[in-house]
PDB file of N, CA and C in Angstrom:
ATOM      1  N   MET A   1     -24.069 -21.558 -34.483  1.00  0.00           N
ATOM      2  CA  MET A   1     -23.484 -21.626 -32.734  1.00  0.00           C
ATOM      3  C   MET A   1     -21.804 -22.208 -33.158  1.00  0.00           C
ATOM      4  N   SER A   2     -21.545 -21.287 -31.800  1.00  0.00           N
ATOM      5  CA  SER A   2     -19.813 -21.456 -31.803  1.00  0.00           C
ATOM      6  C   SER A   2     -19.907 -22.677 -31.100  1.00  0.00           C
ATOM      7  N   GLU A   3     -18.792 -23.518 -31.932  1.00  0.00           N
ATOM      8  CA  GLU A   3     -17.710 -24.506 -31.055  1.00  0.00           C
ATOM      9  C   GLU A   3     -16.689 -24.288 -30.112  1.00  0.00           C
ATOM     10  N   GLY A   4     -16.204 -23.103 -29.840  1.00  0.00           N
ATOM     11  CA  GLY A   4     -15.179 -22.379 -29.513  1.00  0.00           C
ATOM     12  C   GLY A   4     -15.471 -23.162 -27.999  1.00  0.00           C
ATOM     13  N   GLY A   5     -16.933 -22.866 -27.317  1.00  0.00           N
ATOM     14  CA  GLY A   5     -17.110 -23.002 -25.867  1.00  0.00           C
ATOM     15  C   GLY A   5     -17.447 -20.882 -25.555  1.00  0.00           C
ATOM     16  N   THR A   6     -17.188 -20.544 -24.022  1.00  0.00           N
ATOM     17  CA  THR A   6     -17.466 -19.877 -23.850  1.00  0.00           C
ATOM     18  C   THR A   6     -16.237 -18.721 -23.663  1.00  0.00           C
ATOM     19  N   SER A   7     -15.039 -19.354 -24.718  1.00  0.00           N
ATOM     20  CA  SER A   7     -13.667 -18.105 -24.481  1.00  0.00           C
ATOM     21  C   SER A   7     -14.068 -16.863 -24.948  1.00  0.00           C
ATOM     22  N   SER A   8     -13.890 -15.780 -24.585  1.00  0.00           N
ATOM     23  CA  SER A   8     -13.880 -14.646 -24.771  1.00  0.00           C
ATOM     24  C   SER A   8     -12.684 -13.396 -24.277  1.00  0.00           C
ATOM     25  N   THR A   9     -11.688 -13.809 -25.487  1.00  0.00           N
ATOM     26  CA  THR A   9      -9.924 -12.793 -25.408  1.00  0.00           C
ATOM     27  C   THR A   9     -10.775 -11.501 -25.715  1.00  0.00           C
ATOM     28  N   LYS A  10     -10.267 -10.335 -24.944  1.00  0.00           N
ATOM     29  CA  LYS A  10     -10.118  -9.400 -25.308  1.00  0.00           C
ATOM     30  C   LYS A  10      -8.978  -8.395 -25.386  1.00  0.00           C
ATOM     31  N   PRO A  11      -8.355  -8.123 -27.158  1.00  0.00           N
ATOM     32  CA  PRO A  11      -7.658  -7.521 -27.498  1.00  0.00           C
ATOM     33  C   PRO A  11      -7.275  -6.529 -26.455  1.00  0.00           C
ATOM     34  N   GLY A  12      -8.079  -5.269 -26.133  1.00  0.00           N
ATOM     35  CA  GLY A  12      -7.462  -4.910 -25.393  1.00  0.00           C
ATOM     36  C   GLY A  12      -6.619  -4.349 -24.548  1.00  0.00           C
ATOM     37  N   SER A  13      -7.182  -6.070 -23.930  1.00  0.00           N
ATOM     38  CA  SER A  13      -6.271  -5.995 -22.147  1.00  0.00           C
ATOM     39  C   SER A  13      -4.626  -6.583 -22.295  1.00  0.00           C
ATOM     40  N   ASP A  14      -3.980  -6.837 -23.656  1.00  0.00           N
ATOM     41  CA  ASP A  14      -2.425  -7.025 -24.168  1.00  0.00           C
ATOM     42  C   ASP A  14      -2.031  -6.296 -22.896  1.00  0.00           C
ATOM     43  N   ILE A  15      -2.929  -4.648 -23.966  1.00  0.00           N
ATOM     44  CA  ILE A  15      -1.690  -3.781 -23.341  1.00  0.00           C
ATOM     45  C   ILE A  15      -1.403  -3.178 -22.062  1.00  0.00           C
ATOM     46  N   TYR A  16      -2.412  -3.643 -20.973  1.00  0.00           N
ATOM     47  CA  TYR A  16      -2.173  -3.359 -19.266  1.00  0.00           C
ATOM     48  C   TYR A  16      -0.891  -4.680 -19.155  1.00  0.00           C
ATOM     49  N   THR A  17      -1.033  -6.001 -19.630  1.00  0.00           N
ATOM     50  CA  THR A  17       0.249  -6.946 -19.502  1.00  0.00           C
ATOM     51  C   THR A  17       1.355  -6.271 -20.186  1.00  0.00           C
ATOM     52  N   ILE A  18       1.862  -5.601 -21.009  1.00  0.00           N
ATOM     53  CA  ILE A  18       3.097  -5.402 -21.474  1.00  0.00           C
ATOM     54  C   ILE A  18       3.223  -4.229 -20.645  1.00  0.00           C
ATOM     55  N   LEU A  19       2.035  -3.221 -20.511  1.00  0.00           N
ATOM     56  CA  LEU A  19       2.625  -2.319 -19.613  1.00  0.00           C
ATOM     57  C   LEU A  19       3.089  -2.856 -18.307  1.00  0.00           C
ATOM     58  N   LEU A  20       2.348  -4.347 -17.207  1.00  0.00           N
ATOM     59  CA  LEU A  20       2.784  -4.806 -16.144  1.00  0.00           C
ATOM     60  C   LEU A  20       4.135  -5.477 -15.970  1.00  0.00           C
ATOM     61  N   ALA A  21       4.648  -5.952 -17.479  1.00  0.00           N
ATOM     62  CA  ALA A  21       5.991  -6.496 -17.377  1.00  0.00           C
ATOM     63  C   ALA A  21       7.028  -5.337 -17.707  1.00  0.00           C
ATOM     64  N   VAL A  22       6.647  -4.026 -18.109  1.00  0.00           N
ATOM     65  CA  VAL A  22       7.997  -3.186 -17.990  1.00  0.00           C
ATOM     66  C   VAL A  22       7.538  -2.248 -17.017  1.00  0.00           C
ATOM     67  N   ALA A  23       7.002  -2.071 -16.163  1.00  0.00           N
ATOM     68  CA  ALA A  23       7.166  -1.829 -14.979  1.00  0.00           C
ATOM     69  C   ALA A  23       7.687  -3.052 -13.642  1.00  0.00           C
ATOM     70  N   CYS A  24       7.811  -3.895 -14.353  1.00  0.00           N
ATOM     71  CA  CYS A  24       8.487  -5.293 -13.455  1.00  0.00           C
ATOM     72  C   CYS A  24       9.676  -5.131 -13.507  1.00  0.00           C
ATOM     73  N   MET A  25       9.659  -4.572 -14.996  1.00  0.00           N
ATOM     74  CA  MET A  25      11.332  -4.950 -15.060  1.00  0.00           C
ATOM     75  C   MET A  25      12.064  -3.583 -15.067  1.00  0.00           C
ATOM     76  N   PHE A  26      10.970  -2.555 -15.277  1.00  0.00           N
ATOM     77  CA  PHE A  26      11.993  -1.384 -14.708  1.00  0.00           C
ATOM     78  C   PHE A  26      12.356  -1.051 -13.096  1.00  0.00           C
ATOM     79  N   LEU A  27      11.349  -2.255 -11.885  1.00  0.00           N
ATOM     80  CA  LEU A  27      11.235  -1.834 -10.696  1.00  0.00           C
ATOM     81  C   LEU A  27      13.313  -2.544 -10.177  1.00  0.00           C
ATOM     82  N   LEU A  28      13.143  -3.936 -11.183  1.00  0.00           N
ATOM     83  CA  LEU A  28      14.413  -4.879 -11.083  1.00  0.00           C
ATOM     84  C   LEU A  28      15.346  -3.469 -10.981  1.00  0.00           C
ATOM     85  N   ILE A  29      15.582  -3.021 -12.191  1.00  0.00           N
ATOM     86  CA  ILE A  29      16.472  -2.748 -13.076  1.00  0.00           C
ATOM     87  C   ILE A  29      16.795  -1.277 -11.612  1.00  0.00           C
ATOM     88  N   ALA A  30      16.323  -0.636 -11.320  1.00  0.00           N
ATOM     89  CA  ALA A  30      16.111   0.355 -10.588  1.00  0.00           C
ATOM     90  C   ALA A  30      16.567  -0.368  -8.943  1.00  0.00           C
ATOM     91  N   THR A  31      16.051  -1.355  -8.520  1.00  0.00           N
ATOM     92  CA  THR A  31      16.367  -2.001  -7.683  1.00  0.00           C
ATOM     93  C   THR A  31      17.862  -2.723  -7.549  1.00  0.00           C
ATOM     94  N   VAL A  32      18.500  -3.010  -8.510  1.00  0.00           N
ATOM     95  CA  VAL A  32      19.895  -3.548  -8.584  1.00  0.00           C
ATOM     96  C   VAL A  32      21.007  -2.178  -8.784  1.00  0.00           C
ATOM     97  N   PHE A  33      20.335  -1.078  -9.275  1.00  0.00           N
ATOM     98  CA  PHE A  33      20.991   0.266  -9.311  1.00  0.00           C
ATOM     99  C   PHE A  33      20.956   0.636  -8.231  1.00  0.00           C
ATOM    100  N   MET A  34      20.224   0.052  -7.289  1.00  0.00           N
ATOM    101  CA  MET A  34      20.206   1.650  -6.095  1.00  0.00           C
ATOM    102  C   MET A  34      21.407   0.565  -4.865  1.00  0.00           C
ATOM    103  N   SER A  35      20.974  -0.958  -5.177  1.00  0.00           N
ATOM    104  CA  SER A  35      21.914  -1.372  -4.326  1.00  0.00           C
ATOM    105  C   SER A  35      23.569  -1.130  -4.604  1.00  0.00           C
ATOM    106  N   VAL A  36      23.370  -1.433  -6.081  1.00  0.00           N
ATOM    107  CA  VAL A  36      25.204  -0.856  -6.502  1.00  0.00           C
ATOM    108  C   VAL A  36      25.595  -0.135  -6.143  1.00  0.00           C
ATOM    109  N   ARG A  37      24.320   1.519  -6.186  1.00  0.00           N
ATOM    110  CA  ARG A  37      25.245   2.678  -5.919  1.00  0.00           C
ATOM    111  C   ARG A  37      25.391   2.795  -4.502  1.00  0.00           C
ATOM    112  N   SER A  38      24.756   2.285  -3.308  1.00  0.00           N
ATOM    113  CA  SER A  38      24.475   1.939  -2.376  1.00  0.00           C
ATOM    114  C   SER A  38      25.645   1.196  -1.727  1.00  0.00           C
ATOM    115  N   HIS A  39      26.547   0.257  -2.507  1.00  0.00           N
ATOM    116  CA  HIS A  39      27.663  -0.945  -2.407  1.00  0.00           C
ATOM    117  C   HIS A  39      28.195   0.479  -2.181  1.00  0.00           C
ATOM    118  N   GLN A  40      28.711   1.364  -3.509  1.00  0.00           N
ATOM    119  CA  GLN A  40      29.618   2.264  -3.948  1.00  0.00           C
ATOM    120  C   GLN A  40      30.186   2.990  -3.191  1.00  0.00           C
ATOM    121  N   ILE A  41      28.351   3.928  -2.633  1.00  0.00           N
ATOM    122  CA  ILE A  41      29.062   5.181  -1.545  1.00  0.00           C
ATOM    123  C   ILE A  41      29.245   4.272  -0.384  1.00  0.00           C
ATOM    124  N   PHE A  42      28.330   3.686   0.556  1.00  0.00           N
ATOM    125  CA  PHE A  42      28.430   3.166   2.419  1.00  0.00           C
ATOM    126  C   PHE A  42      29.313   1.827   2.180  1.00  0.00           C
ATOM    127  N   ASP A  43      29.852   1.374   1.067  1.00  0.00           N
ATOM    128  CA  ASP A  43      30.775   0.465   0.599  1.00  0.00           C
ATOM    129  C   ASP A  43      30.570  -1.256   1.978  1.00  0.00           C
ATOM    130  N   ARG A  44      28.873  -1.123   2.363  1.00  0.00           N
ATOM    131  CA  ARG A  44      28.024  -1.930   2.247  1.00  0.00           C
ATOM    132  C   ARG A  44      27.070  -2.134   0.951  1.00  0.00           C
ATOM    133  N   TRP A  45      26.385  -3.074   0.995  1.00  0.00           N
ATOM    134  CA  TRP A  45      24.658  -3.646   0.519  1.00  0.00           C
ATOM    135  C   TRP A  45      23.710  -2.724   0.648  1.00  0.00           C
ATOM    136  N   HIS A  46      23.231  -2.578   2.282  1.00  0.00           N
ATOM    137  CA  HIS A  46      22.621  -2.179   2.659  1.00  0.00           C
ATOM    138  C   HIS A  46      22.558  -1.086   3.706  1.00  0.00           C
ATOM    139  N   PRO A  47      22.652   0.753   3.048  1.00  0.00           N
ATOM    140  CA  PRO A  47      23.131   1.513   3.698  1.00  0.00           C
ATOM    141  C   PRO A  47      22.685   1.695   5.339  1.00  0.00           C
ATOM    142  N   PHE A  48      21.296   0.981   5.931  1.00  0.00           N
ATOM    143  CA  PHE A  48      20.949   1.500   6.871  1.00  0.00           C
ATOM    144  C   PHE A  48      21.027   0.302   7.862  1.00  0.00           C
ATOM    145  N   GLY A  49      21.784  -1.143   7.576  1.00  0.00           N
ATOM    146  CA  GLY A  49      21.907  -2.122   8.303  1.00  0.00           C
ATOM    147  C   GLY A  49      23.124  -2.570   9.018  1.00  0.00           C
ATOM    148  N   GLY A  50      22.254  -2.019  10.818  1.00  0.00           N
ATOM    149  CA  GLY A  50      23.544  -2.520  11.794  1.00  0.00           C
ATOM    150  C   GLY A  50      24.445  -1.426  11.999  1.00  0.00           C
ATOM    151  N   ILE A  51      24.908  -1.957  12.453  1.00  0.00           N
ATOM    152  CA  ILE A  51      26.532  -0.449  12.802  1.00  0.00           C
ATOM    153  C   ILE A  51      27.570  -0.588  12.345  1.00  0.00           C
TER     154      ILE A  51
END
């Protein structure tokens, strides 16, 4: 008889959490990099914004 209730943890699903965190960090770094490069090249933060 289990006293812990119906908790079922899947150790294989932790890899997907790690991959999701790495993908989010990569996306954040790429966004910052593109904004800095856009500012360096076009002298504004958003290259397609306005006149």
